[in-house]
Amino acid sequence: MATLIEALLGADMLEIDGLHAWQFELDDALLETPDADAEQPLLWIECIDGRTTRRWQFSLASVRAATHDAQGDIWTLTDTNGAHPLKCFAAFCGDNLDDEDGNETP
């Protein structure tokens, strides 16, 4: 991936700070605004860590400034709490298109 934004657009789940998070959101409207304020929130991530809900929020500027380690395919985002390693995952999907005889339909 060339940018973290591209990786996030194709992701179904994230790993942040060693925790798996499938609840995340990108502000699509902000991405489509050419003169957007770079400090506006772009990415929200939420997950459950035991009984605690953990939340992260990153600005457009911090997502654009994320660095990528190609060897581990890990992005590093920085906010006021420090650096956060982030990994993007895409889901594998199957289909149920077998016909009645057990043969796959094209």
Protein backbone atom coordinates (compact mmCIF):
# COMPACT_ATOMS: atom_id res chain seq x y z
CA MET A 1 0.00 0.00 0.00
CA ALA A 2 1.21 3.46 -0.84
CA THR A 3 -0.58 5.26 2.02
CA LEU A 4 -2.28 4.35 5.27
CA ILE A 5 -5.52 5.83 3.93
CA GLU A 6 -5.47 3.33 1.04
CA ALA A 7 -4.75 0.49 3.46
CA LEU A 8 -7.62 1.56 5.72
CA LEU A 9 -10.06 1.77 2.80
CA GLY A 10 -9.39 -1.89 2.03
CA ALA A 11 -9.35 -3.10 5.65
CA ASP A 12 -12.02 -5.09 7.47
CA MET A 13 -10.19 -5.30 10.80
CA LEU A 14 -7.28 -3.55 12.48
CA GLU A 15 -4.74 -4.44 15.10
CA ILE A 16 -3.72 -1.46 17.22
CA ASP A 17 -1.41 -1.61 20.23
CA GLY A 18 -1.65 -5.41 19.99
CA LEU A 19 -5.47 -5.42 20.19
CA HIS A 20 -7.83 -6.50 17.40
CA ALA A 21 -10.46 -3.95 16.46
CA TRP A 22 -13.16 -4.49 13.88
CA GLN A 23 -14.99 -1.32 14.89
CA PHE A 24 -13.34 1.57 13.10
CA GLU A 25 -14.52 4.41 10.95
CA LEU A 26 -13.01 6.80 8.42
CA ASP A 27 -14.61 10.18 7.73
CA ASP A 28 -15.22 9.77 3.98
CA ALA A 29 -16.46 13.35 3.65
CA LEU A 30 -13.18 14.65 5.06
CA LEU A 31 -11.24 12.57 2.53
CA GLU A 32 -13.23 14.17 -0.30
CA THR A 33 -12.63 17.73 0.90
CA PRO A 34 -9.50 19.11 -0.83
CA ASP A 35 -8.96 21.98 1.63
CA ALA A 36 -9.88 20.05 4.80
CA ASP A 37 -8.45 21.09 8.14
CA ALA A 38 -5.65 18.59 8.78
CA GLU A 39 -6.36 18.59 12.52
CA GLN A 40 -9.94 17.32 12.08
CA PRO A 41 -10.53 13.74 13.24
CA LEU A 42 -10.34 11.27 10.35
CA LEU A 43 -10.07 7.86 11.99
CA TRP A 44 -11.89 6.42 15.01
CA ILE A 45 -11.05 2.99 16.41
CA GLU A 46 -12.78 1.16 19.24
CA CYS A 47 -12.25 -2.27 20.81
CA ILE A 48 -12.82 -4.16 24.04
CA ASP A 49 -9.77 -4.98 26.17
CA GLY A 50 -11.13 -7.36 28.81
CA ARG A 51 -13.92 -5.30 30.37
CA THR A 52 -12.53 -1.97 29.24
CA THR A 53 -13.53 -0.19 26.05
CA ARG A 54 -10.50 1.35 24.41
CA ARG A 55 -10.84 4.19 21.91
CA TRP A 56 -8.41 5.97 19.62
CA GLN A 57 -8.94 9.00 17.43
CA PHE A 58 -6.48 10.25 14.83
CA SER A 59 -6.49 13.44 12.79
CA LEU A 60 -6.09 13.67 9.06
CA ALA A 61 -2.56 15.02 9.63
CA SER A 62 -1.51 12.10 11.85
CA VAL A 63 -2.90 9.52 9.40
CA ARG A 64 -1.07 11.20 6.52
CA ALA A 65 2.14 11.31 8.59
CA ALA A 66 2.00 7.61 9.54
CA THR A 67 5.15 5.66 8.76
CA HIS A 68 5.15 2.18 7.27
CA ASP A 69 7.43 -0.76 8.07
CA ALA A 70 7.13 -2.89 4.94
CA GLN A 71 8.84 -5.89 6.51
CA GLY A 72 6.19 -6.28 9.22
CA ASP A 73 3.47 -4.47 7.24
CA ILE A 74 2.92 -2.24 10.27
CA TRP A 75 1.98 1.42 10.24
CA THR A 76 2.95 3.71 13.12
CA LEU A 77 0.52 6.45 14.07
CA THR A 78 1.43 9.10 16.60
CA ASP A 79 -0.87 11.12 18.84
CA THR A 80 -0.57 12.94 22.16
CA ASN A 81 -0.29 9.57 23.95
CA GLY A 82 2.68 8.42 21.84
CA ALA A 83 3.19 5.96 19.01
CA HIS A 84 0.64 3.28 18.13
CA PRO A 85 1.51 0.32 15.87
CA LEU A 86 -1.35 -0.42 13.48
CA LYS A 87 -1.85 -3.34 11.14
CA CYS A 88 -4.65 -3.59 8.56
CA PHE A 89 -6.36 -6.87 7.71
CA ALA A 90 -8.72 -7.70 4.86
CA ALA A 91 -11.29 -10.48 5.30
CA PHE A 92 -11.45 -13.51 3.09
CA CYS A 93 -14.89 -14.14 1.64
CA GLY A 94 -16.41 -17.28 0.22
CA ASP A 95 -19.62 -17.88 -1.61
CA ASN A 96 -22.42 -20.41 -1.48
CA LEU A 97 -22.89 -20.85 -5.20
CA ASP A 98 -22.89 -24.65 -5.34
CA ASP A 99 -25.72 -26.09 -7.42
CA GLU A 100 -27.90 -28.95 -6.16
CA ASP A 101 -25.50 -31.59 -7.54
CA GLY A 102 -22.61 -30.20 -5.52
CA ASN A 103 -20.96 -28.57 -8.53
CA GLU A 104 -19.90 -24.97 -8.44
CA THR A 105 -21.75 -22.62 -10.73
CA PRO A 106 -19.63 -20.18 -12.72
